[in-house]
Amino acid sequence: MARVFDLAMTHGLDSDDFFIHRIQERCAQLGMNFFLIEPIWLEPFRFQFEQGNLSVRVLLNMHSEHHNPSDPFLRLIHSAAEKGVMMIDDPRVALDAFDKARFHARLVREGMPVPTTVIVGHEELSGYEFTPGLFAALGSTFVIKPAKGYGRRGVVLNASAPEDLRRSAAAWPDSHYLLQERIRPRLVNDQPMYFRAFHVFGKIHVCLWNCFTDAYSREIDSTDAEFKDCHGRITELVNKLASLCGMKFFSTEIAIDGENKIFLIDYVNDQCHMLTKSSSPGNGVPDDLVRAVAFGLVEGARSLIRQS
């Protein structure tokens, strides 16, 4: 008889286990069986899963490489999706949103507020020229980012010459590259109006995030007098983004500039990094927010099971 797990989670392991412990805690509170698929158990788990000796009701993917078909975690994720396991999130849906070049076109069609962007294919790199028209559209310096990159790898923040595009391509080989107008958030009491928002099964958490230092400040909500207007605009935008991408769990980056215009900056990020601020003050997510996200994911998994 196959061993059944209500929830399994892929994870590459951080320097602290707070997020994992909160997932385990909420599963225990709700009487759900849980399995952590960390690297040491990946191949044994995949073998037993594909042999039919264990099954999973919901798989939460917190570690796979969409851009790398040989990634063993990605092979497990696709195998689970093919077998009809409920996913957070389905790899096909996640990949559609993960590819910024492809998703950018959808955002523009839907009238979403995104930076002015020029998309360059890999085959164009060797002869691509930075023309006066390009600078007129994007500014004297702009941002270059790979379409399927993450973690700032391959990102050039002050690009001004073709060599910068080739430098991005050398750091992260990809099919397309986005050349984007650089949005400069306005400053309020030395805090850039830049936010990272987490969408968890319809619940939206908005956190102040310093795009210059990577430091999270605090979560804001609709009762916050200083940021009430910002919070409303951000949640409305994230709700629209969730409807477009079809994902249950993702984060996005949002900036408000000196003219009070709002922009989606990094579109959709899955497998959100849940390192805590208590363990990594420089770039960690506030602990209470990590707890809320973990609990929300387990509760969302339970709702999927009940609906099935």
C-alpha atoms as a PDB file:
ATOM      1  CA  MET A   1       0.000   0.000   0.000  1.00  0.00           C
ATOM      2  CA  ALA A   2       1.399   3.393  -1.042  1.00  0.00           C
ATOM      3  CA  ARG A   3       2.399   5.898   1.612  1.00  0.00           C
ATOM      4  CA  VAL A   4       0.339   9.059   1.155  1.00  0.00           C
ATOM      5  CA  PHE A   5       1.584  12.542   2.004  1.00  0.00           C
ATOM      6  CA  ASP A   6      -0.875  15.431   2.089  1.00  0.00           C
ATOM      7  CA  LEU A   7       1.880  17.936   1.372  1.00  0.00           C
ATOM      8  CA  ALA A   8       5.455  17.555   0.160  1.00  0.00           C
ATOM      9  CA  MET A   9       7.853  20.430  -0.420  1.00  0.00           C
ATOM     10  CA  THR A  10      11.021  20.651  -2.462  1.00  0.00           C
ATOM     11  CA  HIS A  11      13.645  22.787  -0.777  1.00  0.00           C
ATOM     12  CA  GLY A  12      17.334  23.512  -1.295  1.00  0.00           C
ATOM     13  CA  LEU A  13      17.769  24.499   2.370  1.00  0.00           C
ATOM     14  CA  ASP A  14      18.655  27.955   3.683  1.00  0.00           C
ATOM     15  CA  SER A  15      20.994  28.881   6.475  1.00  0.00           C
ATOM     16  CA  ASP A  16      17.994  28.850   8.798  1.00  0.00           C
ATOM     17  CA  ASP A  17      15.041  26.452   8.906  1.00  0.00           C
ATOM     18  CA  PHE A  18      12.395  28.855  10.205  1.00  0.00           C
ATOM     19  CA  PHE A  19      10.209  28.632   7.091  1.00  0.00           C
ATOM     20  CA  ILE A  20      10.455  24.831   7.024  1.00  0.00           C
ATOM     21  CA  HIS A  21       9.578  24.626  10.715  1.00  0.00           C
ATOM     22  CA  ARG A  22       6.523  26.837  10.233  1.00  0.00           C
ATOM     23  CA  ILE A  23       5.341  24.622   7.366  1.00  0.00           C
ATOM     24  CA  GLN A  24       5.787  21.573   9.605  1.00  0.00           C
ATOM     25  CA  GLU A  25       4.084  23.337  12.515  1.00  0.00           C
ATOM     26  CA  ARG A  26       0.963  24.260  10.556  1.00  0.00           C
ATOM     27  CA  CYS A  27       0.745  20.798   8.980  1.00  0.00           C
ATOM     28  CA  ALA A  28       0.852  19.262  12.476  1.00  0.00           C
ATOM     29  CA  GLN A  29      -1.836  21.665  13.698  1.00  0.00           C
ATOM     30  CA  LEU A  30      -4.107  20.705  10.798  1.00  0.00           C
ATOM     31  CA  GLY A  31      -3.346  16.970  10.971  1.00  0.00           C
ATOM     32  CA  MET A  32      -1.628  16.867   7.576  1.00  0.00           C
ATOM     33  CA  ASN A  33       1.182  14.456   6.674  1.00  0.00           C
ATOM     34  CA  PHE A  34       4.258  16.303   5.402  1.00  0.00           C
ATOM     35  CA  PHE A  35       7.498  15.332   3.658  1.00  0.00           C
ATOM     36  CA  LEU A  36      10.474  17.633   3.072  1.00  0.00           C
ATOM     37  CA  ILE A  37      12.220  16.784  -0.217  1.00  0.00           C
ATOM     38  CA  GLU A  38      15.655  18.161   0.498  1.00  0.00           C
ATOM     39  CA  PRO A  39      18.628  17.348  -1.778  1.00  0.00           C
ATOM     40  CA  ILE A  40      19.734  14.228   0.128  1.00  0.00           C
ATOM     41  CA  TRP A  41      16.269  12.650  -0.230  1.00  0.00           C
ATOM     42  CA  LEU A  42      15.454  13.826  -3.754  1.00  0.00           C
ATOM     43  CA  GLU A  43      16.468  10.752  -5.742  1.00  0.00           C
ATOM     44  CA  PRO A  44      15.076   8.155  -3.252  1.00  0.00           C
ATOM     45  CA  PHE A  45      11.809  10.116  -3.117  1.00  0.00           C
ATOM     46  CA  ARG A  46      11.552  10.408  -6.891  1.00  0.00           C
ATOM     47  CA  PHE A  47      12.272   6.695  -7.352  1.00  0.00           C
ATOM     48  CA  GLN A  48       9.627   5.632  -4.837  1.00  0.00           C
ATOM     49  CA  PHE A  49       7.159   8.145  -6.254  1.00  0.00           C
ATOM     50  CA  GLU A  50       7.606   6.961  -9.840  1.00  0.00           C
ATOM     51  CA  GLN A  51       7.384   3.314  -8.695  1.00  0.00           C
ATOM     52  CA  GLY A  52       4.033   4.072  -7.076  1.00  0.00           C
ATOM     53  CA  ASN A  53       5.231   3.299  -3.551  1.00  0.00           C
ATOM     54  CA  LEU A  54       4.286   6.749  -2.303  1.00  0.00           C
ATOM     55  CA  SER A  55       1.917   9.459  -3.447  1.00  0.00           C
ATOM     56  CA  VAL A  56       1.486  13.163  -2.807  1.00  0.00           C
ATOM     57  CA  ARG A  57      -1.731  15.123  -2.748  1.00  0.00           C
ATOM     58  CA  VAL A  58      -0.120  18.584  -3.026  1.00  0.00           C
ATOM     59  CA  LEU A  59       3.467  19.421  -3.986  1.00  0.00           C
ATOM     60  CA  LEU A  60       4.871  22.821  -3.010  1.00  0.00           C
ATOM     61  CA  ASN A  61       7.818  23.650  -5.261  1.00  0.00           C
ATOM     62  CA  MET A  62      10.390  25.805  -3.483  1.00  0.00           C
ATOM     63  CA  HIS A  63      13.434  24.610  -5.402  1.00  0.00           C
ATOM     64  CA  SER A  64      13.787  23.868  -9.103  1.00  0.00           C
ATOM     65  CA  GLU A  65      15.601  25.446 -12.041  1.00  0.00           C
ATOM     66  CA  HIS A  66      13.127  26.342 -14.803  1.00  0.00           C
ATOM     67  CA  HIS A  67      15.925  27.215 -17.212  1.00  0.00           C
ATOM     68  CA  ASN A  68      17.787  23.915 -16.750  1.00  0.00           C
ATOM     69  CA  PRO A  69      16.060  20.792 -18.168  1.00  0.00           C
ATOM     70  CA  SER A  70      18.662  18.538 -16.496  1.00  0.00           C
ATOM     71  CA  ASP A  71      17.886  19.820 -12.995  1.00  0.00           C
ATOM     72  CA  PRO A  72      16.799  16.774 -10.925  1.00  0.00           C
ATOM     73  CA  PHE A  73      14.299  18.824  -8.916  1.00  0.00           C
ATOM     74  CA  LEU A  74      12.712  20.026 -12.156  1.00  0.00           C
ATOM     75  CA  ARG A  75      12.399  16.416 -13.353  1.00  0.00           C
ATOM     76  CA  LEU A  76      10.507  15.537 -10.178  1.00  0.00           C
ATOM     77  CA  ILE A  77       8.226  18.562 -10.548  1.00  0.00           C
ATOM     78  CA  HIS A  78       7.319  17.641 -14.131  1.00  0.00           C
ATOM     79  CA  SER A  79       6.830  13.994 -13.196  1.00  0.00           C
ATOM     80  CA  ALA A  80       4.433  14.989 -10.425  1.00  0.00           C
ATOM     81  CA  ALA A  81       2.511  17.325 -12.732  1.00  0.00           C
ATOM     82  CA  GLU A  82       2.171  14.574 -15.345  1.00  0.00           C
ATOM     83  CA  LYS A  83       0.761  12.232 -12.694  1.00  0.00           C
ATOM     84  CA  GLY A  84      -1.901  14.774 -11.753  1.00  0.00           C
ATOM     85  CA  VAL A  85      -0.482  15.896  -8.415  1.00  0.00           C
ATOM     86  CA  MET A  86      -1.900  19.264  -7.360  1.00  0.00           C
ATOM     87  CA  MET A  87       0.929  21.783  -7.558  1.00  0.00           C
ATOM     88  CA  ILE A  88       1.943  25.045  -5.953  1.00  0.00           C
ATOM     89  CA  ASP A  89       2.488  25.968  -8.732  1.00  0.00           C
ATOM     90  CA  ASP A  90       2.012  23.973 -11.927  1.00  0.00           C
ATOM     91  CA  PRO A  91       5.414  24.146 -13.692  1.00  0.00           C
ATOM     92  CA  ARG A  92       3.830  25.020 -17.034  1.00  0.00           C
ATOM     93  CA  VAL A  93       2.004  27.981 -15.515  1.00  0.00           C
ATOM     94  CA  ALA A  94       5.092  29.033 -13.558  1.00  0.00           C
ATOM     95  CA  LEU A  95       7.323  28.878 -16.645  1.00  0.00           C
ATOM     96  CA  ASP A  96       4.942  31.056 -18.654  1.00  0.00           C
ATOM     97  CA  ALA A  97       5.203  33.752 -15.998  1.00  0.00           C
ATOM     98  CA  PHE A  98       8.893  33.142 -15.282  1.00  0.00           C
ATOM     99  CA  ASP A  99       9.884  34.036 -18.854  1.00  0.00           C
ATOM    100  CA  LYS A 100       9.898  37.833 -18.563  1.00  0.00           C
ATOM    101  CA  ALA A 101      10.193  38.417 -22.301  1.00  0.00           C
ATOM    102  CA  ARG A 102       7.128  36.340 -23.095  1.00  0.00           C
ATOM    103  CA  PHE A 103       5.144  37.596 -20.096  1.00  0.00           C
ATOM    104  CA  HIS A 104       6.017  41.236 -20.801  1.00  0.00           C
ATOM    105  CA  ALA A 105       3.964  41.129 -24.004  1.00  0.00           C
ATOM    106  CA  ARG A 106       0.917  39.927 -22.050  1.00  0.00           C
ATOM    107  CA  LEU A 107       1.354  42.673 -19.479  1.00  0.00           C
ATOM    108  CA  VAL A 108       1.519  45.341 -22.186  1.00  0.00           C
ATOM    109  CA  ARG A 109      -1.609  43.972 -23.895  1.00  0.00           C
ATOM    110  CA  GLU A 110      -3.479  44.149 -20.598  1.00  0.00           C
ATOM    111  CA  GLY A 111      -2.381  47.728 -19.949  1.00  0.00           C
ATOM    112  CA  MET A 112      -0.286  46.892 -16.889  1.00  0.00           C
ATOM    113  CA  PRO A 113       2.159  49.622 -15.780  1.00  0.00           C
ATOM    114  CA  VAL A 114       5.579  48.324 -16.804  1.00  0.00           C
ATOM    115  CA  PRO A 115       8.801  50.154 -17.690  1.00  0.00           C
ATOM    116  CA  THR A 116       9.431  51.014 -21.337  1.00  0.00           C
ATOM    117  CA  THR A 117      11.153  47.897 -22.664  1.00  0.00           C
ATOM    118  CA  VAL A 118      13.049  46.671 -25.707  1.00  0.00           C
ATOM    119  CA  ILE A 119      13.488  42.893 -26.063  1.00  0.00           C
ATOM    120  CA  VAL A 120      16.604  41.559 -27.771  1.00  0.00           C
ATOM    121  CA  GLY A 121      16.926  37.961 -28.949  1.00  0.00           C
ATOM    122  CA  HIS A 122      20.109  35.970 -28.356  1.00  0.00           C
ATOM    123  CA  GLU A 123      20.715  35.729 -32.093  1.00  0.00           C
ATOM    124  CA  GLU A 124      20.841  39.547 -32.285  1.00  0.00           C
ATOM    125  CA  LEU A 125      23.552  40.014 -29.659  1.00  0.00           C
ATOM    126  CA  SER A 126      26.671  40.108 -31.822  1.00  0.00           C
ATOM    127  CA  GLY A 127      25.504  42.939 -34.057  1.00  0.00           C
ATOM    128  CA  TYR A 128      23.111  44.788 -31.776  1.00  0.00           C
ATOM    129  CA  GLU A 129      23.709  48.549 -31.691  1.00  0.00           C
ATOM    130  CA  PHE A 130      22.687  51.084 -29.074  1.00  0.00           C
ATOM    131  CA  THR A 131      21.111  53.738 -31.315  1.00  0.00           C
ATOM    132  CA  PRO A 132      19.965  57.275 -30.503  1.00  0.00           C
ATOM    133  CA  GLY A 133      16.405  55.951 -30.732  1.00  0.00           C
ATOM    134  CA  LEU A 134      17.134  53.379 -28.051  1.00  0.00           C
ATOM    135  CA  PHE A 135      18.507  56.014 -25.681  1.00  0.00           C
ATOM    136  CA  ALA A 136      15.542  58.277 -26.437  1.00  0.00           C
ATOM    137  CA  ALA A 137      13.179  55.487 -25.389  1.00  0.00           C
ATOM    138  CA  LEU A 138      15.057  54.134 -22.350  1.00  0.00           C
ATOM    139  CA  GLY A 139      17.222  57.008 -21.123  1.00  0.00           C
ATOM    140  CA  SER A 140      20.981  57.542 -21.067  1.00  0.00           C
ATOM    141  CA  THR A 141      21.427  54.532 -18.752  1.00  0.00           C
ATOM    142  CA  PHE A 142      19.011  51.665 -18.326  1.00  0.00           C
ATOM    143  CA  VAL A 143      18.615  48.145 -16.969  1.00  0.00           C
ATOM    144  CA  ILE A 144      19.438  44.892 -18.762  1.00  0.00           C
ATOM    145  CA  LYS A 145      18.086  41.608 -17.434  1.00  0.00           C
ATOM    146  CA  PRO A 146      17.912  38.059 -18.849  1.00  0.00           C
ATOM    147  CA  ALA A 147      14.386  36.871 -19.617  1.00  0.00           C
ATOM    148  CA  LYS A 148      14.667  33.757 -17.452  1.00  0.00           C
ATOM    149  CA  GLY A 149      17.185  34.969 -14.905  1.00  0.00           C
ATOM    150  CA  TYR A 150      16.799  35.389 -11.165  1.00  0.00           C
ATOM    151  CA  GLY A 151      18.796  36.451  -8.127  1.00  0.00           C
ATOM    152  CA  ARG A 152      20.226  39.422 -10.064  1.00  0.00           C
ATOM    153  CA  ARG A 153      22.476  37.128 -12.107  1.00  0.00           C
ATOM    154  CA  GLY A 154      23.086  38.732 -15.474  1.00  0.00           C
ATOM    155  CA  VAL A 155      21.440  42.000 -14.420  1.00  0.00           C
ATOM    156  CA  VAL A 156      23.199  45.231 -15.410  1.00  0.00           C
ATOM    157  CA  LEU A 157      21.748  48.288 -13.664  1.00  0.00           C
ATOM    158  CA  ASN A 158      23.495  51.154 -15.486  1.00  0.00           C
ATOM    159  CA  ALA A 159      23.841  49.899 -19.035  1.00  0.00           C
ATOM    160  CA  SER A 160      25.003  52.376 -21.650  1.00  0.00           C
ATOM    161  CA  ALA A 161      26.922  50.401 -24.302  1.00  0.00           C
ATOM    162  CA  PRO A 162      26.614  47.156 -26.306  1.00  0.00           C
ATOM    163  CA  GLU A 163      29.372  45.674 -24.147  1.00  0.00           C
ATOM    164  CA  ASP A 164      26.925  45.763 -21.214  1.00  0.00           C
ATOM    165  CA  LEU A 165      24.469  43.604 -23.136  1.00  0.00           C
ATOM    166  CA  ARG A 166      27.181  41.096 -23.972  1.00  0.00           C
ATOM    167  CA  ARG A 167      28.294  41.146 -20.322  1.00  0.00           C
ATOM    168  CA  SER A 168      24.759  40.254 -19.263  1.00  0.00           C
ATOM    169  CA  ALA A 169      24.680  37.411 -21.794  1.00  0.00           C
ATOM    170  CA  ALA A 170      28.048  36.082 -20.600  1.00  0.00           C
ATOM    171  CA  ALA A 171      26.844  36.050 -16.992  1.00  0.00           C
ATOM    172  CA  TRP A 172      23.522  34.388 -17.840  1.00  0.00           C
ATOM    173  CA  PRO A 173      23.071  32.781 -21.284  1.00  0.00           C
ATOM    174  CA  ASP A 174      19.427  33.104 -22.290  1.00  0.00           C
ATOM    175  CA  SER A 175      17.102  33.253 -25.283  1.00  0.00           C
ATOM    176  CA  HIS A 176      16.121  36.905 -24.779  1.00  0.00           C
ATOM    177  CA  TYR A 177      17.186  39.978 -22.829  1.00  0.00           C
ATOM    178  CA  LEU A 178      15.066  42.872 -21.617  1.00  0.00           C
ATOM    179  CA  LEU A 179      16.450  46.385 -21.962  1.00  0.00           C
ATOM    180  CA  GLN A 180      14.328  48.496 -19.632  1.00  0.00           C
ATOM    181  CA  GLU A 181      13.897  52.100 -18.625  1.00  0.00           C
ATOM    182  CA  ARG A 182      15.243  52.474 -15.103  1.00  0.00           C
ATOM    183  CA  ILE A 183      12.464  53.461 -12.698  1.00  0.00           C
ATOM    184  CA  ARG A 184      13.713  55.633  -9.865  1.00  0.00           C
ATOM    185  CA  PRO A 185      11.497  55.352  -6.798  1.00  0.00           C
ATOM    186  CA  ARG A 186      10.802  58.501  -4.877  1.00  0.00           C
ATOM    187  CA  LEU A 187      12.291  58.801  -1.408  1.00  0.00           C
ATOM    188  CA  VAL A 188      10.214  59.368   1.727  1.00  0.00           C
ATOM    189  CA  ASN A 189      12.328  59.904   4.846  1.00  0.00           C
ATOM    190  CA  ASP A 190      15.250  58.255   2.999  1.00  0.00           C
ATOM    191  CA  GLN A 191      13.109  55.179   2.306  1.00  0.00           C
ATOM    192  CA  PRO A 192      12.616  54.387  -1.405  1.00  0.00           C
ATOM    193  CA  MET A 193       8.986  53.787  -2.308  1.00  0.00           C
ATOM    194  CA  TYR A 194       9.802  50.273  -3.427  1.00  0.00           C
ATOM    195  CA  PHE A 195       7.874  47.224  -2.299  1.00  0.00           C
ATOM    196  CA  ARG A 196       7.936  43.472  -2.504  1.00  0.00           C
ATOM    197  CA  ALA A 197       4.499  41.918  -2.446  1.00  0.00           C
ATOM    198  CA  PHE A 198       3.772  38.233  -1.776  1.00  0.00           C
ATOM    199  CA  HIS A 199       0.624  36.616  -3.152  1.00  0.00           C
ATOM    200  CA  VAL A 200      -0.427  33.501  -1.225  1.00  0.00           C
ATOM    201  CA  PHE A 201      -3.703  31.933  -2.385  1.00  0.00           C
ATOM    202  CA  GLY A 202      -5.362  35.340  -2.791  1.00  0.00           C
ATOM    203  CA  LYS A 203      -3.902  36.867   0.352  1.00  0.00           C
ATOM    204  CA  ILE A 204      -1.476  39.703  -0.410  1.00  0.00           C
ATOM    205  CA  HIS A 205       1.346  40.732   1.911  1.00  0.00           C
ATOM    206  CA  VAL A 206       3.093  44.017   1.080  1.00  0.00           C
ATOM    207  CA  CYS A 207       6.504  44.794   2.529  1.00  0.00           C
ATOM    208  CA  LEU A 208       8.747  47.829   2.239  1.00  0.00           C
ATOM    209  CA  TRP A 209      11.953  46.748   0.538  1.00  0.00           C
ATOM    210  CA  ASN A 210      15.033  48.829  -0.189  1.00  0.00           C
ATOM    211  CA  CYS A 211      16.020  48.139  -3.795  1.00  0.00           C
ATOM    212  CA  PHE A 212      19.435  49.717  -3.210  1.00  0.00           C
ATOM    213  CA  THR A 213      20.450  47.616  -0.191  1.00  0.00           C
ATOM    214  CA  ASP A 214      18.148  44.520  -0.460  1.00  0.00           C
ATOM    215  CA  ALA A 215      16.966  45.196   3.104  1.00  0.00           C
ATOM    216  CA  TYR A 216      13.347  44.554   4.063  1.00  0.00           C
ATOM    217  CA  SER A 217      11.796  47.071   6.421  1.00  0.00           C
ATOM    218  CA  ARG A 218       8.303  46.073   7.541  1.00  0.00           C
ATOM    219  CA  GLU A 219       4.986  44.819   6.278  1.00  0.00           C
ATOM    220  CA  ILE A 220       2.354  47.458   5.599  1.00  0.00           C
ATOM    221  CA  ASP A 221      -1.419  47.061   5.470  1.00  0.00           C
ATOM    222  CA  SER A 222      -4.606  49.039   4.861  1.00  0.00           C
ATOM    223  CA  THR A 223      -4.606  50.420   8.421  1.00  0.00           C
ATOM    224  CA  ASP A 224      -1.158  51.982   7.998  1.00  0.00           C
ATOM    225  CA  ALA A 225      -1.845  55.736   7.807  1.00  0.00           C
ATOM    226  CA  GLU A 226       1.484  56.533   6.144  1.00  0.00           C
ATOM    227  CA  PHE A 227       1.116  53.951   3.374  1.00  0.00           C
ATOM    228  CA  LYS A 228      -2.653  53.416   3.137  1.00  0.00           C
ATOM    229  CA  ASP A 229      -2.911  54.776  -0.404  1.00  0.00           C
ATOM    230  CA  CYS A 230       0.171  52.830  -1.536  1.00  0.00           C
ATOM    231  CA  HIS A 231      -1.189  49.609  -0.052  1.00  0.00           C
ATOM    232  CA  GLY A 232      -4.497  49.926  -1.875  1.00  0.00           C
ATOM    233  CA  ARG A 233      -2.845  50.601  -5.230  1.00  0.00           C
ATOM    234  CA  ILE A 234      -0.370  47.761  -4.770  1.00  0.00           C
ATOM    235  CA  THR A 235      -2.947  45.149  -3.758  1.00  0.00           C
ATOM    236  CA  GLU A 236      -5.147  46.105  -6.721  1.00  0.00           C
ATOM    237  CA  LEU A 237      -2.179  45.695  -9.058  1.00  0.00           C
ATOM    238  CA  VAL A 238      -1.110  42.355  -7.543  1.00  0.00           C
ATOM    239  CA  ASN A 239      -4.659  41.011  -7.804  1.00  0.00           C
ATOM    240  CA  LYS A 240      -4.646  41.846 -11.529  1.00  0.00           C
ATOM    241  CA  LEU A 241      -1.228  40.224 -11.878  1.00  0.00           C
ATOM    242  CA  ALA A 242      -2.461  37.069 -10.130  1.00  0.00           C
ATOM    243  CA  SER A 243      -5.411  36.848 -12.524  1.00  0.00           C
ATOM    244  CA  LEU A 244      -3.066  37.166 -15.484  1.00  0.00           C
ATOM    245  CA  CYS A 245      -0.407  34.657 -14.411  1.00  0.00           C
ATOM    246  CA  GLY A 246      -2.760  32.132 -12.768  1.00  0.00           C
ATOM    247  CA  MET A 247      -0.323  31.384  -9.955  1.00  0.00           C
ATOM    248  CA  LYS A 248      -1.205  30.713  -6.331  1.00  0.00           C
ATOM    249  CA  PHE A 249       2.117  31.729  -4.786  1.00  0.00           C
ATOM    250  CA  PHE A 250       4.527  34.333  -6.104  1.00  0.00           C
ATOM    251  CA  SER A 251       6.210  37.620  -5.270  1.00  0.00           C
ATOM    252  CA  THR A 252       6.609  40.757  -7.321  1.00  0.00           C
ATOM    253  CA  GLU A 253       8.437  44.069  -7.038  1.00  0.00           C
ATOM    254  CA  ILE A 254       6.637  47.401  -7.307  1.00  0.00           C
ATOM    255  CA  ALA A 255       7.974  50.954  -7.404  1.00  0.00           C
ATOM    256  CA  ILE A 256       6.296  54.336  -7.059  1.00  0.00           C
ATOM    257  CA  ASP A 257       8.247  57.127  -8.731  1.00  0.00           C
ATOM    258  CA  GLY A 258       8.574  60.856  -8.104  1.00  0.00           C
ATOM    259  CA  GLU A 259       5.420  61.563 -10.114  1.00  0.00           C
ATOM    260  CA  ASN A 260       3.460  59.050  -7.993  1.00  0.00           C
ATOM    261  CA  LYS A 261       3.268  56.603 -10.907  1.00  0.00           C
ATOM    262  CA  ILE A 262       3.250  52.908 -10.012  1.00  0.00           C
ATOM    263  CA  PHE A 263       5.275  50.297 -11.913  1.00  0.00           C
ATOM    264  CA  LEU A 264       5.640  46.525 -11.937  1.00  0.00           C
ATOM    265  CA  ILE A 265       9.379  45.973 -11.914  1.00  0.00           C
ATOM    266  CA  ASP A 266      10.232  42.286 -11.699  1.00  0.00           C
ATOM    267  CA  TYR A 267       6.866  40.809 -12.734  1.00  0.00           C
ATOM    268  CA  VAL A 268       6.476  37.311 -11.236  1.00  0.00           C
ATOM    269  CA  ASN A 269       8.910  35.356  -9.050  1.00  0.00           C
ATOM    270  CA  ASP A 270       8.016  31.855  -7.922  1.00  0.00           C
ATOM    271  CA  GLN A 271       9.896  29.791  -5.302  1.00  0.00           C
ATOM    272  CA  CYS A 272      10.184  32.906  -3.146  1.00  0.00           C
ATOM    273  CA  HIS A 273      13.235  33.122  -0.909  1.00  0.00           C
ATOM    274  CA  MET A 274      11.977  32.795   2.672  1.00  0.00           C
ATOM    275  CA  LEU A 275      15.162  33.465   4.627  1.00  0.00           C
ATOM    276  CA  THR A 276      14.263  35.291   7.853  1.00  0.00           C
ATOM    277  CA  LYS A 277      15.393  38.715   8.969  1.00  0.00           C
ATOM    278  CA  SER A 278      16.387  37.334  12.375  1.00  0.00           C
ATOM    279  CA  SER A 279      18.929  35.007  10.741  1.00  0.00           C
ATOM    280  CA  SER A 280      20.016  37.378   7.947  1.00  0.00           C
ATOM    281  CA  PRO A 281      19.332  41.025   8.897  1.00  0.00           C
ATOM    282  CA  GLY A 282      20.736  42.391   5.655  1.00  0.00           C
ATOM    283  CA  ASN A 283      18.351  40.676   3.250  1.00  0.00           C
ATOM    284  CA  GLY A 284      15.973  38.486   5.256  1.00  0.00           C
ATOM    285  CA  VAL A 285      12.179  38.681   5.175  1.00  0.00           C
ATOM    286  CA  PRO A 286      10.524  39.796   8.445  1.00  0.00           C
ATOM    287  CA  ASP A 287       9.941  36.707  10.594  1.00  0.00           C
ATOM    288  CA  ASP A 288       6.216  37.340  11.107  1.00  0.00           C
ATOM    289  CA  LEU A 289       5.754  37.612   7.355  1.00  0.00           C
ATOM    290  CA  VAL A 290       7.618  34.340   6.766  1.00  0.00           C
ATOM    291  CA  ARG A 291       5.333  32.679   9.322  1.00  0.00           C
ATOM    292  CA  ALA A 292       2.218  34.120   7.657  1.00  0.00           C
ATOM    293  CA  VAL A 293       3.349  32.926   4.223  1.00  0.00           C
ATOM    294  CA  ALA A 294       4.133  29.411   5.506  1.00  0.00           C
ATOM    295  CA  PHE A 295       0.794  29.105   7.292  1.00  0.00           C
ATOM    296  CA  GLY A 296      -1.027  30.469   4.239  1.00  0.00           C
ATOM    297  CA  LEU A 297       0.602  27.909   1.952  1.00  0.00           C
ATOM    298  CA  VAL A 298      -0.365  24.980   4.190  1.00  0.00           C
ATOM    299  CA  GLU A 299      -3.910  26.277   4.530  1.00  0.00           C
ATOM    300  CA  GLY A 300      -4.046  26.740   0.763  1.00  0.00           C
ATOM    301  CA  ALA A 301      -2.855  23.166   0.247  1.00  0.00           C
ATOM    302  CA  ARG A 302      -5.588  21.932   2.577  1.00  0.00           C
ATOM    303  CA  SER A 303      -8.187  23.869   0.570  1.00  0.00           C
ATOM    304  CA  LEU A 304      -6.944  22.219  -2.641  1.00  0.00           C
ATOM    305  CA  ILE A 305      -7.285  18.796  -1.046  1.00  0.00           C
ATOM    306  CA  ARG A 306     -10.806  19.540   0.171  1.00  0.00           C
ATOM    307  CA  GLN A 307     -11.863  20.856  -3.235  1.00  0.00           C
ATOM    308  CA  SER A 308     -10.603  17.695  -4.918  1.00  0.00           C
END
